Amino acid sequence: MSFREWLGRCPLVAILRGVKPSEVVRIVTALYESGIRIVEVPMNSPDPLASIALLAGRFGDDMLVGAGTVLEARQVERISDAGGKLVVMPHADTTIVASARELGLFVVPGFSTPTEAFASLAAGADALKLFPAEANPPAVLKAMRAVLPPDVPVLPVGSISPTNMAEYWSAGASGFGLGSSLYRPGADVDTVAANATTFVSTIRLLERRTAA
C-alpha cells in the first residue's frame, strides 16, 4: 500500500512525543479504535525504538508505524530493524530521504520553502510535512500548492487543532500531523481517545464537504 493509500484510510498522523514503551500499546489501541491508522514515535521520546517494536508487533499491517524527529541517516536502519515503516523529519535532509528509500521505508521530510520541497521530492520523498505550521499559515500552503505537483501529499504540522484544520484543508492540505493537541506525556487513555475522536470527526466532515 502506498503512503497516499494510508492517508486514504485516515489522513491523520498521530505524533506521540514523549510516549513510554510501558503505555504506548494502550495509547495506540485507543487511537486505532478512534480511526487513526498512522503513528509516529519521535526519536527524542523515551526508548523510541522499543515503542516502535511493540507497536509493529501488536498492529502489524493494520497500522503504519514509524519514527518522527529523525535527524541522522544512521538512525534509519535502526528504525527499520525495530519494525518501523515510516520516517518523518522536521527538516529537508536528502541523505535521510535516500537512506529511507533504500530500505523501503516511507519518508516524509519537513519543508517551509519551495527549494526544500523540490529537493526532497527529487530525493524520493513520499509526502511533505509543512513545518512549523504556525509560521506557515494557510495562505502560504495555497501559494506552495500552485507550484508543487498536485499528487504530492502535503501535511501541515504544528499547533494543528480541530478549529484550524478547515482553513488548511481548503488551502490544499492532504492530511495533518497531530502533536500535543492529541497526546501529551502523561495523558490518560480516555483523554487521548476523546481527542482522537474529535480530530477524526473533524477530518471526516472535511472529506465529506470536499466530496460533495
C-alpha atoms as a PDB file:
ATOM      1  CA  MET A   1       0.000   0.000   0.000  1.00  0.00           C
ATOM      2  CA  SER A   2       1.303   3.445  -0.899  1.00  0.00           C
ATOM      3  CA  PHE A   3       1.550   6.325   1.532  1.00  0.00           C
ATOM      4  CA  ARG A   4      -1.324   8.011  -0.278  1.00  0.00           C
ATOM      5  CA  GLU A   5      -3.409   4.886   0.295  1.00  0.00           C
ATOM      6  CA  TRP A   6      -2.623   5.023   4.006  1.00  0.00           C
ATOM      7  CA  LEU A   7      -3.786   8.627   4.015  1.00  0.00           C
ATOM      8  CA  GLY A   8      -6.910   7.444   2.248  1.00  0.00           C
ATOM      9  CA  ARG A   9      -7.740   5.314   5.278  1.00  0.00           C
ATOM     10  CA  CYS A  10      -7.365   8.307   7.576  1.00  0.00           C
ATOM     11  CA  PRO A  11      -5.276  11.392   6.717  1.00  0.00           C
ATOM     12  CA  LEU A  12      -4.121  11.995  10.279  1.00  0.00           C
ATOM     13  CA  VAL A  13      -0.675  11.186  11.680  1.00  0.00           C
ATOM     14  CA  ALA A  14      -0.501  10.772  15.456  1.00  0.00           C
ATOM     15  CA  ILE A  15       2.740  12.215  16.855  1.00  0.00           C
ATOM     16  CA  LEU A  16       3.351  10.622  20.259  1.00  0.00           C
ATOM     17  CA  ARG A  17       6.224  12.730  21.536  1.00  0.00           C
ATOM     18  CA  GLY A  18       7.258  11.603  24.993  1.00  0.00           C
ATOM     19  CA  VAL A  19       5.322   8.339  24.999  1.00  0.00           C
ATOM     20  CA  LYS A  20       6.846   5.495  27.003  1.00  0.00           C
ATOM     21  CA  PRO A  21       7.024   1.824  25.995  1.00  0.00           C
ATOM     22  CA  SER A  22       5.012   0.918  29.082  1.00  0.00           C
ATOM     23  CA  GLU A  23       1.990   2.867  27.833  1.00  0.00           C
ATOM     24  CA  VAL A  24       2.355   3.013  24.073  1.00  0.00           C
ATOM     25  CA  VAL A  25       0.203  -0.011  23.179  1.00  0.00           C
ATOM     26  CA  ARG A  26      -2.708   1.212  25.324  1.00  0.00           C
ATOM     27  CA  ILE A  27      -2.483   4.706  23.833  1.00  0.00           C
ATOM     28  CA  VAL A  28      -2.294   3.494  20.243  1.00  0.00           C
ATOM     29  CA  THR A  29      -5.103   0.991  20.758  1.00  0.00           C
ATOM     30  CA  ALA A  30      -7.302   3.951  21.659  1.00  0.00           C
ATOM     31  CA  LEU A  31      -6.133   5.790  18.537  1.00  0.00           C
ATOM     32  CA  TYR A  32      -6.837   2.747  16.389  1.00  0.00           C
ATOM     33  CA  GLU A  33     -10.334   2.377  17.804  1.00  0.00           C
ATOM     34  CA  SER A  34     -10.939   6.059  17.025  1.00  0.00           C
ATOM     35  CA  GLY A  35      -9.970   5.517  13.374  1.00  0.00           C
ATOM     36  CA  ILE A  36      -6.359   6.746  13.218  1.00  0.00           C
ATOM     37  CA  ARG A  37      -4.068   4.474  11.206  1.00  0.00           C
ATOM     38  CA  ILE A  38      -0.677   6.265  11.083  1.00  0.00           C
ATOM     39  CA  VAL A  39       1.520   6.726  14.161  1.00  0.00           C
ATOM     40  CA  GLU A  40       4.988   8.151  14.645  1.00  0.00           C
ATOM     41  CA  VAL A  41       7.060   7.861  17.797  1.00  0.00           C
ATOM     42  CA  PRO A  42       9.559  10.758  17.825  1.00  0.00           C
ATOM     43  CA  MET A  43      13.150   9.705  18.319  1.00  0.00           C
ATOM     44  CA  ASN A  44      13.515  12.083  21.269  1.00  0.00           C
ATOM     45  CA  SER A  45      10.938  10.075  23.223  1.00  0.00           C
ATOM     46  CA  PRO A  46      11.964   7.600  25.953  1.00  0.00           C
ATOM     47  CA  ASP A  47      13.313   4.432  24.298  1.00  0.00           C
ATOM     48  CA  PRO A  48      11.518   5.122  20.991  1.00  0.00           C
ATOM     49  CA  LEU A  49      12.745   2.006  19.217  1.00  0.00           C
ATOM     50  CA  ALA A  50      11.245  -0.199  21.921  1.00  0.00           C
ATOM     51  CA  SER A  51       7.909   1.558  21.471  1.00  0.00           C
ATOM     52  CA  ILE A  52       8.081   1.130  17.699  1.00  0.00           C
ATOM     53  CA  ALA A  53       8.881  -2.569  18.077  1.00  0.00           C
ATOM     54  CA  LEU A  54       5.935  -3.054  20.432  1.00  0.00           C
ATOM     55  CA  LEU A  55       3.557  -1.297  18.042  1.00  0.00           C
ATOM     56  CA  ALA A  56       4.844  -3.163  15.000  1.00  0.00           C
ATOM     57  CA  GLY A  57       4.348  -6.451  16.820  1.00  0.00           C
ATOM     58  CA  ARG A  58       0.883  -5.566  18.083  1.00  0.00           C
ATOM     59  CA  PHE A  59      -0.649  -3.961  14.986  1.00  0.00           C
ATOM     60  CA  GLY A  60       1.311  -5.431  12.088  1.00  0.00           C
ATOM     61  CA  ASP A  61      -0.104  -4.299   8.759  1.00  0.00           C
ATOM     62  CA  ASP A  62      -3.205  -2.750  10.351  1.00  0.00           C
ATOM     63  CA  MET A  63      -1.324   0.458  11.115  1.00  0.00           C
ATOM     64  CA  LEU A  64       1.576   2.354   9.593  1.00  0.00           C
ATOM     65  CA  VAL A  65       4.080   2.789  12.419  1.00  0.00           C
ATOM     66  CA  GLY A  66       7.361   4.642  12.338  1.00  0.00           C
ATOM     67  CA  ALA A  67       9.594   7.296  13.813  1.00  0.00           C
ATOM     68  CA  GLY A  68       9.500  11.065  13.888  1.00  0.00           C
ATOM     69  CA  THR A  69      12.156  13.703  14.574  1.00  0.00           C
ATOM     70  CA  VAL A  70      14.656  11.604  12.641  1.00  0.00           C
ATOM     71  CA  LEU A  71      17.773  13.754  12.450  1.00  0.00           C
ATOM     72  CA  GLU A  72      20.510  11.404  11.239  1.00  0.00           C
ATOM     73  CA  ALA A  73      20.707   8.949   8.362  1.00  0.00           C
ATOM     74  CA  ARG A  74      22.247   6.308  10.636  1.00  0.00           C
ATOM     75  CA  GLN A  75      19.003   6.176  12.618  1.00  0.00           C
ATOM     76  CA  VAL A  76      17.039   4.879   9.641  1.00  0.00           C
ATOM     77  CA  GLU A  77      18.390   1.332   9.725  1.00  0.00           C
ATOM     78  CA  ARG A  78      17.667   1.070  13.455  1.00  0.00           C
ATOM     79  CA  ILE A  79      14.089   2.209  12.846  1.00  0.00           C
ATOM     80  CA  SER A  80      13.679  -0.403  10.130  1.00  0.00           C
ATOM     81  CA  ASP A  81      15.169  -3.131  12.342  1.00  0.00           C
ATOM     82  CA  ALA A  82      12.611  -2.238  15.041  1.00  0.00           C
ATOM     83  CA  GLY A  83       9.786  -2.777  12.558  1.00  0.00           C
ATOM     84  CA  GLY A  84       9.159   0.855  11.653  1.00  0.00           C
ATOM     85  CA  LYS A  85       7.976   1.559   8.132  1.00  0.00           C
ATOM     86  CA  LEU A  86       7.812   5.353   8.245  1.00  0.00           C
ATOM     87  CA  VAL A  87      10.441   8.059   8.714  1.00  0.00           C
ATOM     88  CA  VAL A  88       9.293  11.615   9.464  1.00  0.00           C
ATOM     89  CA  MET A  89      11.709  14.531   9.734  1.00  0.00           C
ATOM     90  CA  PRO A  90      11.437  18.166  10.811  1.00  0.00           C
ATOM     91  CA  HIS A  91      13.834  19.215   8.069  1.00  0.00           C
ATOM     92  CA  ALA A  92      14.773  18.549   4.452  1.00  0.00           C
ATOM     93  CA  ASP A  93      17.841  16.308   4.741  1.00  0.00           C
ATOM     94  CA  THR A  94      18.068  14.453   1.446  1.00  0.00           C
ATOM     95  CA  THR A  95      20.575  11.938   2.836  1.00  0.00           C
ATOM     96  CA  ILE A  96      17.910  10.719   5.267  1.00  0.00           C
ATOM     97  CA  VAL A  97      15.364  10.592   2.449  1.00  0.00           C
ATOM     98  CA  ALA A  98      17.734   8.489   0.364  1.00  0.00           C
ATOM     99  CA  SER A  99      18.520   6.146   3.279  1.00  0.00           C
ATOM    100  CA  ALA A 100      14.830   5.553   3.940  1.00  0.00           C
ATOM    101  CA  ARG A 101      14.125   4.869   0.284  1.00  0.00           C
ATOM    102  CA  GLU A 102      16.992   2.372   0.097  1.00  0.00           C
ATOM    103  CA  LEU A 103      15.422   0.378   2.929  1.00  0.00           C
ATOM    104  CA  GLY A 104      11.914   0.577   1.516  1.00  0.00           C
ATOM    105  CA  LEU A 105      10.533   2.890   4.187  1.00  0.00           C
ATOM    106  CA  PHE A 106       8.070   5.701   3.590  1.00  0.00           C
ATOM    107  CA  VAL A 107       9.688   9.070   4.208  1.00  0.00           C
ATOM    108  CA  VAL A 108       8.126  12.465   4.926  1.00  0.00           C
ATOM    109  CA  PRO A 109      10.628  15.319   5.290  1.00  0.00           C
ATOM    110  CA  GLY A 110       9.811  18.741   6.645  1.00  0.00           C
ATOM    111  CA  PHE A 111       9.861  21.845   4.481  1.00  0.00           C
ATOM    112  CA  SER A 112       9.000  25.523   4.595  1.00  0.00           C
ATOM    113  CA  THR A 113      10.303  26.714   1.223  1.00  0.00           C
ATOM    114  CA  PRO A 114       9.872  25.562  -2.390  1.00  0.00           C
ATOM    115  CA  THR A 115      13.614  24.828  -2.558  1.00  0.00           C
ATOM    116  CA  GLU A 116      13.350  22.369   0.325  1.00  0.00           C
ATOM    117  CA  ALA A 117      10.205  20.819  -1.100  1.00  0.00           C
ATOM    118  CA  PHE A 118      11.592  20.150  -4.556  1.00  0.00           C
ATOM    119  CA  ALA A 119      14.936  18.885  -3.226  1.00  0.00           C
ATOM    120  CA  SER A 120      13.110  16.381  -1.019  1.00  0.00           C
ATOM    121  CA  LEU A 121      10.858  15.246  -3.849  1.00  0.00           C
ATOM    122  CA  ALA A 122      13.846  14.782  -6.154  1.00  0.00           C
ATOM    123  CA  ALA A 123      15.426  12.585  -3.468  1.00  0.00           C
ATOM    124  CA  GLY A 124      12.326  10.383  -3.341  1.00  0.00           C
ATOM    125  CA  ALA A 125      10.082  11.754  -0.577  1.00  0.00           C
ATOM    126  CA  ASP A 126       6.623  10.162  -0.407  1.00  0.00           C
ATOM    127  CA  ALA A 127       5.000  13.296   1.033  1.00  0.00           C
ATOM    128  CA  LEU A 128       5.922  16.640   2.529  1.00  0.00           C
ATOM    129  CA  LYS A 129       5.477  17.958   6.056  1.00  0.00           C
ATOM    130  CA  LEU A 130       4.774  21.709   6.180  1.00  0.00           C
ATOM    131  CA  PHE A 131       6.570  22.646   9.374  1.00  0.00           C
ATOM    132  CA  PRO A 132       6.104  24.531  11.530  1.00  0.00           C
ATOM    133  CA  ALA A 133       2.532  25.282  10.526  1.00  0.00           C
ATOM    134  CA  GLU A 134       2.454  28.190  12.974  1.00  0.00           C
ATOM    135  CA  ALA A 135       4.914  30.013  10.716  1.00  0.00           C
ATOM    136  CA  ASN A 136       3.232  28.806   7.519  1.00  0.00           C
ATOM    137  CA  PRO A 137      -0.448  29.780   7.561  1.00  0.00           C
ATOM    138  CA  PRO A 138      -2.987  28.512   5.003  1.00  0.00           C
ATOM    139  CA  ALA A 139      -2.137  31.325   2.573  1.00  0.00           C
ATOM    140  CA  VAL A 140       1.430  30.023   2.396  1.00  0.00           C
ATOM    141  CA  LEU A 141       0.228  26.485   1.725  1.00  0.00           C
ATOM    142  CA  LYS A 142      -2.081  27.718  -1.013  1.00  0.00           C
ATOM    143  CA  ALA A 143       0.826  29.507  -2.694  1.00  0.00           C
ATOM    144  CA  MET A 144       3.018  26.412  -2.392  1.00  0.00           C
ATOM    145  CA  ARG A 145       0.289  24.270  -3.923  1.00  0.00           C
ATOM    146  CA  ALA A 146       0.375  26.441  -7.042  1.00  0.00           C
ATOM    147  CA  VAL A 147       3.867  25.136  -7.859  1.00  0.00           C
ATOM    148  CA  LEU A 148       4.057  21.703  -6.214  1.00  0.00           C
ATOM    149  CA  PRO A 149       2.995  18.580  -8.149  1.00  0.00           C
ATOM    150  CA  PRO A 150      -0.734  18.153  -7.462  1.00  0.00           C
ATOM    151  CA  ASP A 151      -0.406  14.489  -6.469  1.00  0.00           C
ATOM    152  CA  VAL A 152       2.156  15.138  -3.708  1.00  0.00           C
ATOM    153  CA  PRO A 153       0.581  14.895  -0.243  1.00  0.00           C
ATOM    154  CA  VAL A 154       1.304  17.898   1.981  1.00  0.00           C
ATOM    155  CA  LEU A 155       0.657  17.632   5.717  1.00  0.00           C
ATOM    156  CA  PRO A 156       0.777  20.728   7.938  1.00  0.00           C
ATOM    157  CA  VAL A 157       2.257  20.011  11.376  1.00  0.00           C
ATOM    158  CA  GLY A 158       2.500  22.285  14.401  1.00  0.00           C
ATOM    159  CA  SER A 159      -0.344  23.572  16.578  1.00  0.00           C
ATOM    160  CA  ILE A 160      -2.945  21.832  14.426  1.00  0.00           C
ATOM    161  CA  SER A 161      -6.314  21.721  16.159  1.00  0.00           C
ATOM    162  CA  PRO A 162      -9.898  20.934  15.122  1.00  0.00           C
ATOM    163  CA  THR A 163     -10.501  24.677  14.861  1.00  0.00           C
ATOM    164  CA  ASN A 164      -7.859  25.435  12.222  1.00  0.00           C
ATOM    165  CA  MET A 165      -7.979  22.298  10.076  1.00  0.00           C
ATOM    166  CA  ALA A 166     -10.668  23.583   7.704  1.00  0.00           C
ATOM    167  CA  GLU A 167      -8.580  26.543   6.523  1.00  0.00           C
ATOM    168  CA  TYR A 168      -5.575  24.353   5.774  1.00  0.00           C
ATOM    169  CA  TRP A 169      -7.773  21.749   4.104  1.00  0.00           C
ATOM    170  CA  SER A 170      -9.260  24.390   1.812  1.00  0.00           C
ATOM    171  CA  ALA A 171      -5.747  25.625   1.016  1.00  0.00           C
ATOM    172  CA  GLY A 172      -4.672  22.178  -0.188  1.00  0.00           C
ATOM    173  CA  ALA A 173      -3.662  20.100   2.831  1.00  0.00           C
ATOM    174  CA  SER A 174      -3.781  16.334   2.249  1.00  0.00           C
ATOM    175  CA  GLY A 175      -3.767  15.494   5.932  1.00  0.00           C
ATOM    176  CA  PHE A 176      -2.322  16.619   9.245  1.00  0.00           C
ATOM    177  CA  GLY A 177       0.268  15.692  11.822  1.00  0.00           C
ATOM    178  CA  LEU A 178      -1.200  15.894  15.320  1.00  0.00           C
ATOM    179  CA  GLY A 179       1.061  16.602  18.271  1.00  0.00           C
ATOM    180  CA  SER A 180       0.301  17.923  21.737  1.00  0.00           C
ATOM    181  CA  SER A 181      -3.329  18.659  20.922  1.00  0.00           C
ATOM    182  CA  LEU A 182      -3.765  14.893  20.566  1.00  0.00           C
ATOM    183  CA  TYR A 183      -1.280  13.472  23.053  1.00  0.00           C
ATOM    184  CA  ARG A 184       0.862  14.946  25.813  1.00  0.00           C
ATOM    185  CA  PRO A 185       3.196  12.934  28.030  1.00  0.00           C
ATOM    186  CA  GLY A 186       1.262  11.637  30.994  1.00  0.00           C
ATOM    187  CA  ALA A 187      -2.151  11.929  29.339  1.00  0.00           C
ATOM    188  CA  ASP A 188      -4.514   9.113  30.228  1.00  0.00           C
ATOM    189  CA  VAL A 189      -6.037   6.829  27.620  1.00  0.00           C
ATOM    190  CA  ASP A 190      -9.527   8.298  27.931  1.00  0.00           C
ATOM    191  CA  THR A 191      -8.274  11.824  27.261  1.00  0.00           C
ATOM    192  CA  VAL A 192      -6.297  10.707  24.217  1.00  0.00           C
ATOM    193  CA  ALA A 193      -9.277   8.733  22.912  1.00  0.00           C
ATOM    194  CA  ALA A 194     -11.566  11.752  23.270  1.00  0.00           C
ATOM    195  CA  ASN A 195      -9.056  13.989  21.474  1.00  0.00           C
ATOM    196  CA  ALA A 196      -8.669  11.440  18.685  1.00  0.00           C
ATOM    197  CA  THR A 197     -12.414  11.087  18.242  1.00  0.00           C
ATOM    198  CA  THR A 198     -12.759  14.857  17.841  1.00  0.00           C
ATOM    199  CA  PHE A 199      -9.968  15.006  15.259  1.00  0.00           C
ATOM    200  CA  VAL A 200     -11.324  12.071  13.268  1.00  0.00           C
ATOM    201  CA  SER A 201     -14.838  13.529  13.285  1.00  0.00           C
ATOM    202  CA  THR A 202     -13.447  16.835  12.030  1.00  0.00           C
ATOM    203  CA  ILE A 203     -11.460  15.311   9.178  1.00  0.00           C
ATOM    204  CA  ARG A 204     -14.376  13.114   8.106  1.00  0.00           C
ATOM    205  CA  LEU A 205     -16.573  16.205   7.920  1.00  0.00           C
ATOM    206  CA  LEU A 206     -13.981  17.983   5.765  1.00  0.00           C
ATOM    207  CA  GLU A 207     -13.688  14.939   3.492  1.00  0.00           C
ATOM    208  CA  ARG A 208     -17.464  14.834   3.029  1.00  0.00           C
ATOM    209  CA  ARG A 209     -17.565  18.515   2.163  1.00  0.00           C
ATOM    210  CA  THR A 210     -14.832  18.020  -0.420  1.00  0.00           C
ATOM    211  CA  ALA A 211     -16.652  15.079  -1.963  1.00  0.00           C
ATOM    212  CA  ALA A 212     -19.992  16.903  -2.119  1.00  0.00           C
END
